[in-house]
N, C-alpha and C. Protein backbone atom coordinates (compact mmCIF):
# COMPACT_ATOMS: atom_id res chain seq x y z
N MET A 1 -5.72 -74.78 -38.43
CA MET A 1 -4.62 -74.26 -37.63
C MET A 1 -4.39 -72.78 -37.92
N ILE A 2 -4.49 -72.42 -39.19
CA ILE A 2 -4.26 -71.04 -39.56
C ILE A 2 -5.37 -70.15 -39.01
N GLN A 3 -6.61 -70.64 -39.04
CA GLN A 3 -7.72 -69.88 -38.50
C GLN A 3 -7.52 -69.62 -37.01
N GLY A 4 -6.96 -70.57 -36.29
CA GLY A 4 -6.68 -70.39 -34.86
C GLY A 4 -5.67 -69.27 -34.62
N ILE A 5 -4.67 -69.20 -35.48
CA ILE A 5 -3.67 -68.13 -35.36
C ILE A 5 -4.31 -66.78 -35.63
N VAL A 6 -5.16 -66.71 -36.66
CA VAL A 6 -5.85 -65.45 -36.97
C VAL A 6 -6.73 -65.05 -35.78
N GLY A 7 -7.40 -66.00 -35.17
CA GLY A 7 -8.23 -65.71 -34.00
C GLY A 7 -7.42 -65.18 -32.83
N ARG A 8 -6.24 -65.76 -32.60
CA ARG A 8 -5.38 -65.27 -31.52
C ARG A 8 -4.87 -63.86 -31.79
N MET A 9 -4.51 -63.58 -33.03
CA MET A 9 -4.05 -62.21 -33.36
C MET A 9 -5.17 -61.21 -33.11
N SER A 10 -6.39 -61.57 -33.49
CA SER A 10 -7.54 -60.70 -33.28
C SER A 10 -7.82 -60.50 -31.79
N ALA A 11 -7.73 -61.57 -31.01
CA ALA A 11 -7.95 -61.47 -29.56
C ALA A 11 -6.87 -60.61 -28.90
N ASN A 12 -5.63 -60.76 -29.34
CA ASN A 12 -4.55 -59.94 -28.79
C ASN A 12 -4.75 -58.47 -29.11
N SER A 13 -5.22 -58.17 -30.31
CA SER A 13 -5.48 -56.80 -30.70
C SER A 13 -6.58 -56.20 -29.84
N ALA A 14 -7.64 -56.95 -29.61
CA ALA A 14 -8.74 -56.47 -28.76
C ALA A 14 -8.27 -56.26 -27.32
N ALA A 15 -7.42 -57.16 -26.83
CA ALA A 15 -6.89 -57.02 -25.46
C ALA A 15 -6.02 -55.77 -25.35
N LEU A 16 -5.21 -55.49 -26.36
CA LEU A 16 -4.39 -54.27 -26.34
C LEU A 16 -5.25 -53.02 -26.29
N LYS A 17 -6.32 -53.01 -27.06
CA LYS A 17 -7.22 -51.86 -27.04
C LYS A 17 -7.81 -51.67 -25.64
N GLY A 18 -8.21 -52.76 -25.02
CA GLY A 18 -8.75 -52.69 -23.66
C GLY A 18 -7.73 -52.20 -22.65
N PHE A 19 -6.51 -52.71 -22.74
CA PHE A 19 -5.44 -52.26 -21.84
C PHE A 19 -5.15 -50.78 -22.03
N CYS A 20 -5.15 -50.32 -23.28
CA CYS A 20 -4.85 -48.92 -23.56
C CYS A 20 -5.92 -48.01 -22.96
N ILE A 21 -7.17 -48.37 -23.16
CA ILE A 21 -8.26 -47.55 -22.60
C ILE A 21 -8.20 -47.54 -21.08
N THR A 22 -8.01 -48.71 -20.49
CA THR A 22 -7.97 -48.81 -19.03
C THR A 22 -6.79 -48.04 -18.45
N GLY A 23 -5.61 -48.24 -19.03
CA GLY A 23 -4.41 -47.55 -18.53
C GLY A 23 -4.49 -46.05 -18.69
N THR A 24 -4.96 -45.61 -19.85
CA THR A 24 -5.08 -44.17 -20.10
C THR A 24 -6.10 -43.55 -19.15
N ALA A 25 -7.24 -44.20 -18.99
CA ALA A 25 -8.27 -43.67 -18.10
C ALA A 25 -7.78 -43.62 -16.65
N ALA A 26 -7.04 -44.64 -16.23
CA ALA A 26 -6.52 -44.67 -14.86
C ALA A 26 -5.52 -43.54 -14.63
N ILE A 27 -4.63 -43.34 -15.56
CA ILE A 27 -3.63 -42.27 -15.42
C ILE A 27 -4.31 -40.91 -15.44
N LEU A 28 -5.28 -40.73 -16.32
CA LEU A 28 -6.00 -39.46 -16.37
C LEU A 28 -6.80 -39.22 -15.09
N ALA A 29 -7.36 -40.29 -14.54
CA ALA A 29 -8.14 -40.14 -13.30
C ALA A 29 -7.25 -39.76 -12.13
N VAL A 30 -6.06 -40.34 -12.07
CA VAL A 30 -5.15 -40.06 -10.95
C VAL A 30 -4.45 -38.72 -11.13
N GLN A 31 -3.99 -38.44 -12.35
CA GLN A 31 -3.19 -37.25 -12.60
C GLN A 31 -4.01 -36.06 -13.10
N GLY A 32 -5.19 -36.33 -13.64
CA GLY A 32 -6.12 -35.35 -14.19
C GLY A 32 -5.65 -33.91 -14.30
N GLU A 33 -5.89 -33.13 -13.28
CA GLU A 33 -5.60 -31.69 -13.33
C GLU A 33 -4.11 -31.38 -13.33
N ALA A 34 -3.30 -32.24 -12.78
CA ALA A 34 -1.86 -31.98 -12.69
C ALA A 34 -1.11 -32.49 -13.92
N LEU A 35 -1.84 -32.97 -14.92
CA LEU A 35 -1.20 -33.59 -16.07
C LEU A 35 -0.43 -32.58 -16.91
N GLY A 36 -1.08 -31.57 -17.42
CA GLY A 36 -0.43 -30.51 -18.19
C GLY A 36 0.47 -31.03 -19.29
N VAL A 37 1.72 -30.58 -19.31
CA VAL A 37 2.70 -30.95 -20.34
C VAL A 37 3.07 -32.43 -20.24
N ARG A 38 2.92 -32.99 -19.06
CA ARG A 38 3.25 -34.41 -18.89
C ARG A 38 2.31 -35.32 -19.68
N ALA A 39 1.28 -34.74 -20.30
CA ALA A 39 0.40 -35.53 -21.16
C ALA A 39 1.17 -36.10 -22.34
N LEU A 40 2.29 -35.49 -22.69
CA LEU A 40 3.11 -36.01 -23.79
C LEU A 40 3.61 -37.41 -23.48
N TRP A 41 3.94 -37.68 -22.22
CA TRP A 41 4.39 -39.02 -21.85
C TRP A 41 3.25 -40.03 -22.01
N LEU A 42 2.05 -39.59 -21.73
CA LEU A 42 0.90 -40.47 -21.93
C LEU A 42 0.66 -40.72 -23.42
N LEU A 43 0.95 -39.71 -24.24
CA LEU A 43 0.85 -39.90 -25.69
C LEU A 43 1.86 -40.94 -26.18
N VAL A 44 3.02 -40.96 -25.58
CA VAL A 44 4.03 -41.98 -25.94
C VAL A 44 3.49 -43.37 -25.62
N LEU A 45 2.84 -43.51 -24.47
CA LEU A 45 2.25 -44.79 -24.10
C LEU A 45 1.17 -45.21 -25.11
N VAL A 46 0.32 -44.27 -25.49
CA VAL A 46 -0.72 -44.57 -26.48
C VAL A 46 -0.08 -44.96 -27.81
N ALA A 47 0.98 -44.27 -28.21
CA ALA A 47 1.67 -44.59 -29.46
C ALA A 47 2.29 -45.99 -29.41
N LEU A 48 2.83 -46.38 -28.27
CA LEU A 48 3.39 -47.73 -28.15
C LEU A 48 2.31 -48.80 -28.29
N PHE A 49 1.16 -48.56 -27.66
CA PHE A 49 0.05 -49.49 -27.83
C PHE A 49 -0.39 -49.56 -29.29
N ALA A 50 -0.44 -48.41 -29.96
CA ALA A 50 -0.86 -48.36 -31.36
C ALA A 50 0.12 -49.14 -32.24
N MET A 51 1.41 -48.98 -32.00
CA MET A 51 2.41 -49.69 -32.81
C MET A 51 2.31 -51.20 -32.59
N CYS A 52 2.11 -51.61 -31.36
CA CYS A 52 1.97 -53.04 -31.07
C CYS A 52 0.70 -53.59 -31.72
N ASP A 53 -0.40 -52.84 -31.63
CA ASP A 53 -1.65 -53.27 -32.24
C ASP A 53 -1.51 -53.35 -33.76
N ALA A 54 -0.80 -52.42 -34.36
CA ALA A 54 -0.57 -52.46 -35.81
C ALA A 54 0.25 -53.70 -36.18
N GLY A 55 1.18 -54.08 -35.33
CA GLY A 55 1.95 -55.30 -35.57
C GLY A 55 1.06 -56.53 -35.58
N TYR A 56 0.13 -56.61 -34.62
CA TYR A 56 -0.81 -57.73 -34.59
C TYR A 56 -1.70 -57.73 -35.83
N LEU A 57 -2.16 -56.54 -36.24
CA LEU A 57 -3.02 -56.46 -37.42
C LEU A 57 -2.25 -56.89 -38.67
N ARG A 58 -0.98 -56.48 -38.78
CA ARG A 58 -0.17 -56.88 -39.93
C ARG A 58 -0.01 -58.40 -39.97
N MET A 59 0.28 -59.00 -38.82
CA MET A 59 0.43 -60.45 -38.78
C MET A 59 -0.89 -61.15 -39.10
N GLU A 60 -1.99 -60.59 -38.59
CA GLU A 60 -3.30 -61.17 -38.87
C GLU A 60 -3.57 -61.15 -40.38
N ARG A 61 -3.27 -60.04 -41.03
CA ARG A 61 -3.46 -59.94 -42.48
C ARG A 61 -2.57 -60.93 -43.22
N ASP A 62 -1.33 -61.07 -42.77
CA ASP A 62 -0.42 -62.04 -43.40
C ASP A 62 -0.98 -63.45 -43.31
N PHE A 63 -1.49 -63.82 -42.14
CA PHE A 63 -2.03 -65.17 -41.97
C PHE A 63 -3.35 -65.35 -42.70
N ARG A 64 -4.11 -64.28 -42.87
CA ARG A 64 -5.33 -64.39 -43.68
C ARG A 64 -4.98 -64.68 -45.14
N ARG A 65 -3.94 -64.01 -45.64
CA ARG A 65 -3.48 -64.29 -47.01
C ARG A 65 -2.96 -65.72 -47.12
N LEU A 66 -2.22 -66.17 -46.11
CA LEU A 66 -1.72 -67.54 -46.10
C LEU A 66 -2.88 -68.53 -46.10
N TYR A 67 -3.91 -68.23 -45.32
CA TYR A 67 -5.09 -69.10 -45.28
C TYR A 67 -5.76 -69.17 -46.64
N ALA A 68 -5.91 -68.01 -47.28
CA ALA A 68 -6.55 -67.98 -48.61
C ALA A 68 -5.73 -68.80 -49.61
N ALA A 69 -4.41 -68.66 -49.57
CA ALA A 69 -3.56 -69.43 -50.49
C ALA A 69 -3.63 -70.92 -50.19
N THR A 70 -3.69 -71.28 -48.93
CA THR A 70 -3.76 -72.68 -48.53
C THR A 70 -5.12 -73.27 -48.91
N ALA A 71 -6.18 -72.51 -48.75
CA ALA A 71 -7.52 -73.00 -49.06
C ALA A 71 -7.70 -73.22 -50.56
N ARG A 72 -6.97 -72.48 -51.39
CA ARG A 72 -7.08 -72.64 -52.84
C ARG A 72 -6.38 -73.91 -53.34
N ARG A 73 -5.45 -74.45 -52.55
CA ARG A 73 -4.74 -75.65 -53.00
C ARG A 73 -5.66 -76.87 -52.94
N ARG A 74 -5.36 -77.80 -53.79
CA ARG A 74 -6.09 -79.06 -53.74
C ARG A 74 -5.55 -79.87 -52.57
N LEU A 75 -6.39 -80.71 -52.02
CA LEU A 75 -6.00 -81.50 -50.86
C LEU A 75 -4.84 -82.44 -51.18
N SER A 76 -4.74 -82.89 -52.41
CA SER A 76 -3.64 -83.78 -52.80
C SER A 76 -2.29 -83.05 -52.80
N GLU A 77 -2.32 -81.72 -52.86
CA GLU A 77 -1.08 -80.94 -52.85
C GLU A 77 -0.62 -80.61 -51.43
N ALA A 78 -1.40 -80.92 -50.44
CA ALA A 78 -1.08 -80.56 -49.06
C ALA A 78 -0.27 -81.66 -48.38
N GLU A 79 0.97 -81.81 -48.81
CA GLU A 79 1.80 -82.85 -48.22
C GLU A 79 2.47 -82.40 -46.92
N ASP A 80 2.56 -81.09 -46.72
CA ASP A 80 3.24 -80.56 -45.54
C ASP A 80 2.28 -79.64 -44.80
N MET A 81 2.13 -79.84 -43.50
CA MET A 81 1.22 -79.02 -42.70
C MET A 81 1.95 -77.95 -41.90
N ALA A 82 3.20 -77.68 -42.24
CA ALA A 82 3.97 -76.66 -41.53
C ALA A 82 3.39 -75.28 -41.84
N ILE A 83 3.32 -74.44 -40.81
CA ILE A 83 2.82 -73.08 -40.97
C ILE A 83 3.99 -72.12 -40.83
N GLU A 84 4.27 -71.39 -41.88
CA GLU A 84 5.31 -70.39 -41.84
C GLU A 84 4.70 -69.06 -42.25
N ARG A 85 4.90 -68.07 -41.42
CA ARG A 85 4.37 -66.74 -41.73
C ARG A 85 5.14 -66.17 -42.90
N PRO A 86 4.44 -65.62 -43.88
CA PRO A 86 5.14 -65.02 -45.03
C PRO A 86 5.99 -63.84 -44.58
N ARG A 87 7.05 -63.60 -45.31
CA ARG A 87 7.90 -62.44 -45.03
C ARG A 87 7.11 -61.17 -45.29
N ALA A 88 7.10 -60.29 -44.32
CA ALA A 88 6.36 -59.04 -44.46
C ALA A 88 7.33 -57.89 -44.66
N ASP A 89 6.88 -56.91 -45.41
CA ASP A 89 7.71 -55.73 -45.62
C ASP A 89 7.11 -54.55 -44.86
N ALA A 90 7.78 -53.42 -44.95
CA ALA A 90 7.35 -52.23 -44.19
C ALA A 90 6.01 -51.71 -44.66
N SER A 91 5.67 -51.91 -45.92
CA SER A 91 4.39 -51.40 -46.41
C SER A 91 3.21 -52.06 -45.71
N GLY A 92 3.35 -53.33 -45.33
CA GLY A 92 2.28 -54.01 -44.59
C GLY A 92 2.07 -53.40 -43.22
N TYR A 93 3.16 -53.02 -42.57
CA TYR A 93 3.06 -52.39 -41.26
C TYR A 93 2.46 -50.99 -41.37
N ILE A 94 2.88 -50.25 -42.40
CA ILE A 94 2.36 -48.89 -42.60
C ILE A 94 0.87 -48.93 -42.90
N SER A 95 0.44 -49.86 -43.75
CA SER A 95 -0.99 -49.94 -44.05
C SER A 95 -1.78 -50.37 -42.83
N ALA A 96 -1.17 -51.15 -41.93
CA ALA A 96 -1.86 -51.55 -40.71
C ALA A 96 -1.99 -50.38 -39.74
N ILE A 97 -0.96 -49.56 -39.63
CA ILE A 97 -1.00 -48.46 -38.66
C ILE A 97 -1.94 -47.34 -39.11
N VAL A 98 -2.16 -47.20 -40.42
CA VAL A 98 -3.08 -46.16 -40.90
C VAL A 98 -4.49 -46.70 -41.14
N SER A 99 -4.71 -47.97 -40.81
CA SER A 99 -6.05 -48.54 -40.99
C SER A 99 -7.02 -47.92 -39.99
N TRP A 100 -8.29 -48.01 -40.30
CA TRP A 100 -9.30 -47.40 -39.43
C TRP A 100 -9.32 -48.04 -38.05
N SER A 101 -8.99 -49.32 -37.96
CA SER A 101 -9.06 -49.99 -36.66
C SER A 101 -7.91 -49.62 -35.74
N VAL A 102 -6.83 -49.07 -36.28
CA VAL A 102 -5.71 -48.64 -35.44
C VAL A 102 -5.67 -47.12 -35.36
N ALA A 103 -5.58 -46.46 -36.50
CA ALA A 103 -5.41 -44.99 -36.52
C ALA A 103 -6.61 -44.28 -35.90
N ALA A 104 -7.80 -44.68 -36.25
CA ALA A 104 -8.99 -43.99 -35.71
C ALA A 104 -9.13 -44.23 -34.21
N PHE A 105 -8.93 -45.47 -33.78
CA PHE A 105 -9.09 -45.80 -32.37
C PHE A 105 -8.06 -45.07 -31.51
N TYR A 106 -6.79 -45.24 -31.83
CA TYR A 106 -5.74 -44.62 -31.02
C TYR A 106 -5.66 -43.11 -31.26
N GLY A 107 -6.08 -42.66 -32.43
CA GLY A 107 -6.13 -41.22 -32.69
C GLY A 107 -7.15 -40.53 -31.79
N CYS A 108 -8.29 -41.17 -31.59
CA CYS A 108 -9.30 -40.60 -30.68
C CYS A 108 -8.78 -40.55 -29.24
N ILE A 109 -8.10 -41.60 -28.83
CA ILE A 109 -7.54 -41.60 -27.47
C ILE A 109 -6.47 -40.53 -27.34
N ALA A 110 -5.60 -40.41 -28.34
CA ALA A 110 -4.55 -39.39 -28.30
C ALA A 110 -5.16 -37.99 -28.30
N GLY A 111 -6.21 -37.80 -29.09
CA GLY A 111 -6.88 -36.51 -29.12
C GLY A 111 -7.48 -36.15 -27.76
N ALA A 112 -8.07 -37.12 -27.10
CA ALA A 112 -8.64 -36.89 -25.78
C ALA A 112 -7.55 -36.55 -24.77
N VAL A 113 -6.41 -37.24 -24.86
CA VAL A 113 -5.29 -36.95 -23.96
C VAL A 113 -4.77 -35.54 -24.18
N VAL A 114 -4.62 -35.14 -25.44
CA VAL A 114 -4.15 -33.77 -25.75
C VAL A 114 -5.16 -32.75 -25.24
N LEU A 115 -6.43 -32.99 -25.46
CA LEU A 115 -7.45 -32.06 -24.99
C LEU A 115 -7.44 -31.93 -23.48
N ILE A 116 -7.36 -33.02 -22.79
CA ILE A 116 -7.30 -32.98 -21.32
C ILE A 116 -6.02 -32.31 -20.85
N GLY A 117 -4.90 -32.60 -21.55
CA GLY A 117 -3.63 -31.97 -21.20
C GLY A 117 -3.67 -30.46 -21.38
N VAL A 118 -4.31 -30.02 -22.46
CA VAL A 118 -4.41 -28.57 -22.71
C VAL A 118 -5.33 -27.92 -21.68
N LEU A 119 -6.45 -28.55 -21.41
CA LEU A 119 -7.38 -27.99 -20.43
C LEU A 119 -6.79 -28.00 -19.02
N ALA A 120 -6.00 -29.02 -18.71
CA ALA A 120 -5.38 -29.09 -17.37
C ALA A 120 -4.26 -28.08 -17.24
N GLY A 121 -3.65 -27.69 -18.36
CA GLY A 121 -2.54 -26.73 -18.32
C GLY A 121 -2.99 -25.29 -18.11
N LYS A 122 -4.27 -25.03 -18.23
CA LYS A 122 -4.77 -23.65 -18.09
C LYS A 122 -4.96 -23.28 -16.65
């Protein structure tokens, strides 16, 4: 059951990345040359996707730790099959947002938006 949750978190993260690329590319294609300073609004959209993706990554990491703890228990100790996500603190979210899978991916998209915005503003 826990592996299924981890799989869903991973699939949701991949879907967010796809939506971000598609949405950003569509807006850039339509607004391209007229974007200019309004590229900042597109950066806000990219940042929202990044924050949501970091949330999924944090939850995925929490459930991976839960899976590891559950797998270490003996079967005789598994009297309850309830799944409760461990309480997460802010450090888990911060480490997720600066991870290579979030920061590098969305940073590249944000960099491209800034570059296009600067070039369109000239």
